[in-house]
Every structure is written in C-alpha cells, then in structure tokens.
Amino acid sequence: MNDDTGTRPGPAARDPEDVDADFTDFVTAQGARLLRLAELMTGDPHRAADLTQTALERAYLRWHRIESGSCFRRG
C-alpha cells in the first residue's frame, strides 16, 4: 500500500544478526548442493569451489532482496 507521499513503504528493518543467521542456515542447507552443481558445470573441483564462493558472496550482498522475493517481482 502507498503512504501519503504515494510511495510504497520500505521493508521492515531486521536485526543484522538475524539476517546473517538466515544466510548461514541457507548455506548450511544448500552449500553442498551448490558446490556439486558448480563441479558439474566446470568439471574442476577447484574452479567449482571458487565459483560457489563467488556466487555466495554476491548472494549475501543481496540477501535482503533474495529472501523477501523482491528480486523475482516485476513491475
């Protein structure tokens, strides 16, 4: 919904420790799967580890958008 200025309210502020814990839970649950996928893509376990690390670093920086699903919305 819009406020008096005609803009949508921003997401509620979350404790950074909660966000870190959520991301850590994601990595714990999905990290091995992501690494296996990267190994299939690269054919090299060392390159796969680098690829996975880079992808997780980039995801962490955008975690607030990924977790909220706003990166999947259009419009």
C-alpha atoms as a PDB file:
ATOM      1  CA  MET A   1       0.000   0.000   0.000  1.00  0.00           C
ATOM      2  CA  ASN A   2       1.022   3.565  -0.540  1.00  0.00           C
ATOM      3  CA  ASP A   3       1.587   6.157   2.142  1.00  0.00           C
ATOM      4  CA  ASP A   4       0.685   9.871   1.869  1.00  0.00           C
ATOM      5  CA  THR A   5       3.637  10.507  -0.431  1.00  0.00           C
ATOM      6  CA  GLY A   6       2.448   7.963  -2.973  1.00  0.00           C
ATOM      7  CA  THR A   7       5.397   5.648  -2.377  1.00  0.00           C
ATOM      8  CA  ARG A   8       5.484   2.162  -1.059  1.00  0.00           C
ATOM      9  CA  PRO A   9       6.869   1.682   2.424  1.00  0.00           C
ATOM     10  CA  GLY A  10      10.288   0.046   2.599  1.00  0.00           C
ATOM     11  CA  PRO A  11      10.864  -3.365   4.135  1.00  0.00           C
ATOM     12  CA  ALA A  12      10.838  -3.543   7.909  1.00  0.00           C
ATOM     13  CA  ALA A  13      14.322  -3.254   9.356  1.00  0.00           C
ATOM     14  CA  ARG A  14      15.745  -6.554  10.544  1.00  0.00           C
ATOM     15  CA  ASP A  15      18.472  -7.230  13.019  1.00  0.00           C
ATOM     16  CA  PRO A  16      21.681  -7.881  11.017  1.00  0.00           C
ATOM     17  CA  GLU A  17      22.414 -10.885  13.223  1.00  0.00           C
ATOM     18  CA  ASP A  18      19.074 -12.433  12.174  1.00  0.00           C
ATOM     19  CA  VAL A  19      19.916 -11.838   8.532  1.00  0.00           C
ATOM     20  CA  ASP A  20      23.356 -13.406   8.993  1.00  0.00           C
ATOM     21  CA  ALA A  21      21.799 -16.398  10.745  1.00  0.00           C
ATOM     22  CA  ASP A  22      19.276 -16.850   7.922  1.00  0.00           C
ATOM     23  CA  PHE A  23      22.021 -16.723   5.304  1.00  0.00           C
ATOM     24  CA  THR A  24      24.153 -19.147   7.313  1.00  0.00           C
ATOM     25  CA  ASP A  25      21.193 -21.537   7.508  1.00  0.00           C
ATOM     26  CA  PHE A  26      20.785 -21.285   3.721  1.00  0.00           C
ATOM     27  CA  VAL A  27      24.474 -22.032   3.107  1.00  0.00           C
ATOM     28  CA  THR A  28      24.398 -24.937   5.561  1.00  0.00           C
ATOM     29  CA  ALA A  29      21.332 -26.417   3.867  1.00  0.00           C
ATOM     30  CA  GLN A  30      22.261 -25.739   0.222  1.00  0.00           C
ATOM     31  CA  GLY A  31      26.035 -25.260   0.095  1.00  0.00           C
ATOM     32  CA  ALA A  32      26.955 -28.844  -0.770  1.00  0.00           C
ATOM     33  CA  ARG A  33      24.296 -28.929  -3.492  1.00  0.00           C
ATOM     34  CA  LEU A  34      25.587 -25.668  -4.963  1.00  0.00           C
ATOM     35  CA  LEU A  35      29.149 -26.980  -4.918  1.00  0.00           C
ATOM     36  CA  ARG A  36      28.127 -30.212  -6.690  1.00  0.00           C
ATOM     37  CA  LEU A  37      26.291 -28.188  -9.336  1.00  0.00           C
ATOM     38  CA  ALA A  38      29.345 -25.986  -9.845  1.00  0.00           C
ATOM     39  CA  GLU A  39      31.513 -29.104 -10.215  1.00  0.00           C
ATOM     40  CA  LEU A  40      29.180 -30.404 -12.909  1.00  0.00           C
ATOM     41  CA  MET A  41      29.331 -27.040 -14.669  1.00  0.00           C
ATOM     42  CA  THR A  42      33.109 -26.566 -14.511  1.00  0.00           C
ATOM     43  CA  GLY A  43      34.477 -30.114 -14.394  1.00  0.00           C
ATOM     44  CA  ASP A  44      37.112 -28.901 -11.936  1.00  0.00           C
ATOM     45  CA  PRO A  45      36.675 -29.068  -8.152  1.00  0.00           C
ATOM     46  CA  HIS A  46      38.934 -26.048  -7.546  1.00  0.00           C
ATOM     47  CA  ARG A  47      37.141 -23.835 -10.060  1.00  0.00           C
ATOM     48  CA  ALA A  48      33.847 -25.112  -8.656  1.00  0.00           C
ATOM     49  CA  ALA A  49      34.821 -24.033  -5.150  1.00  0.00           C
ATOM     50  CA  ASP A  50      35.801 -20.576  -6.448  1.00  0.00           C
ATOM     51  CA  LEU A  51      32.552 -20.282  -8.405  1.00  0.00           C
ATOM     52  CA  THR A  52      30.470 -21.319  -5.409  1.00  0.00           C
ATOM     53  CA  GLN A  53      32.287 -18.899  -3.116  1.00  0.00           C
ATOM     54  CA  THR A  54      31.802 -16.023  -5.552  1.00  0.00           C
ATOM     55  CA  ALA A  55      28.120 -16.816  -6.024  1.00  0.00           C
ATOM     56  CA  LEU A  56      27.542 -16.981  -2.268  1.00  0.00           C
ATOM     57  CA  GLU A  57      29.409 -13.700  -1.709  1.00  0.00           C
ATOM     58  CA  ARG A  58      27.214 -11.978  -4.288  1.00  0.00           C
ATOM     59  CA  ALA A  59      24.075 -13.558  -2.844  1.00  0.00           C
ATOM     60  CA  TYR A  60      24.994 -12.392   0.660  1.00  0.00           C
ATOM     61  CA  LEU A  61      25.224  -8.791  -0.525  1.00  0.00           C
ATOM     62  CA  ARG A  62      21.690  -9.065  -1.938  1.00  0.00           C
ATOM     63  CA  TRP A  63      20.259 -11.407   0.671  1.00  0.00           C
ATOM     64  CA  HIS A  64      17.579  -8.932   1.810  1.00  0.00           C
ATOM     65  CA  ARG A  65      16.157  -8.884  -1.734  1.00  0.00           C
ATOM     66  CA  ILE A  66      16.542 -12.617  -2.334  1.00  0.00           C
ATOM     67  CA  GLU A  67      14.944 -13.579   0.975  1.00  0.00           C
ATOM     68  CA  SER A  68      11.998 -11.205   0.516  1.00  0.00           C
ATOM     69  CA  GLY A  69      11.437 -12.392  -3.037  1.00  0.00           C
ATOM     70  CA  SER A  70      11.592  -8.833  -4.358  1.00  0.00           C
ATOM     71  CA  CYS A  71      14.239  -9.815  -6.890  1.00  0.00           C
ATOM     72  CA  PHE A  72      11.623 -12.038  -8.578  1.00  0.00           C
ATOM     73  CA  ARG A  73       8.836  -9.451  -8.816  1.00  0.00           C
ATOM     74  CA  ARG A  74       8.227  -7.386 -11.900  1.00  0.00           C
ATOM     75  CA  GLY A  75       6.615  -4.035 -12.135  1.00  0.00           C
END
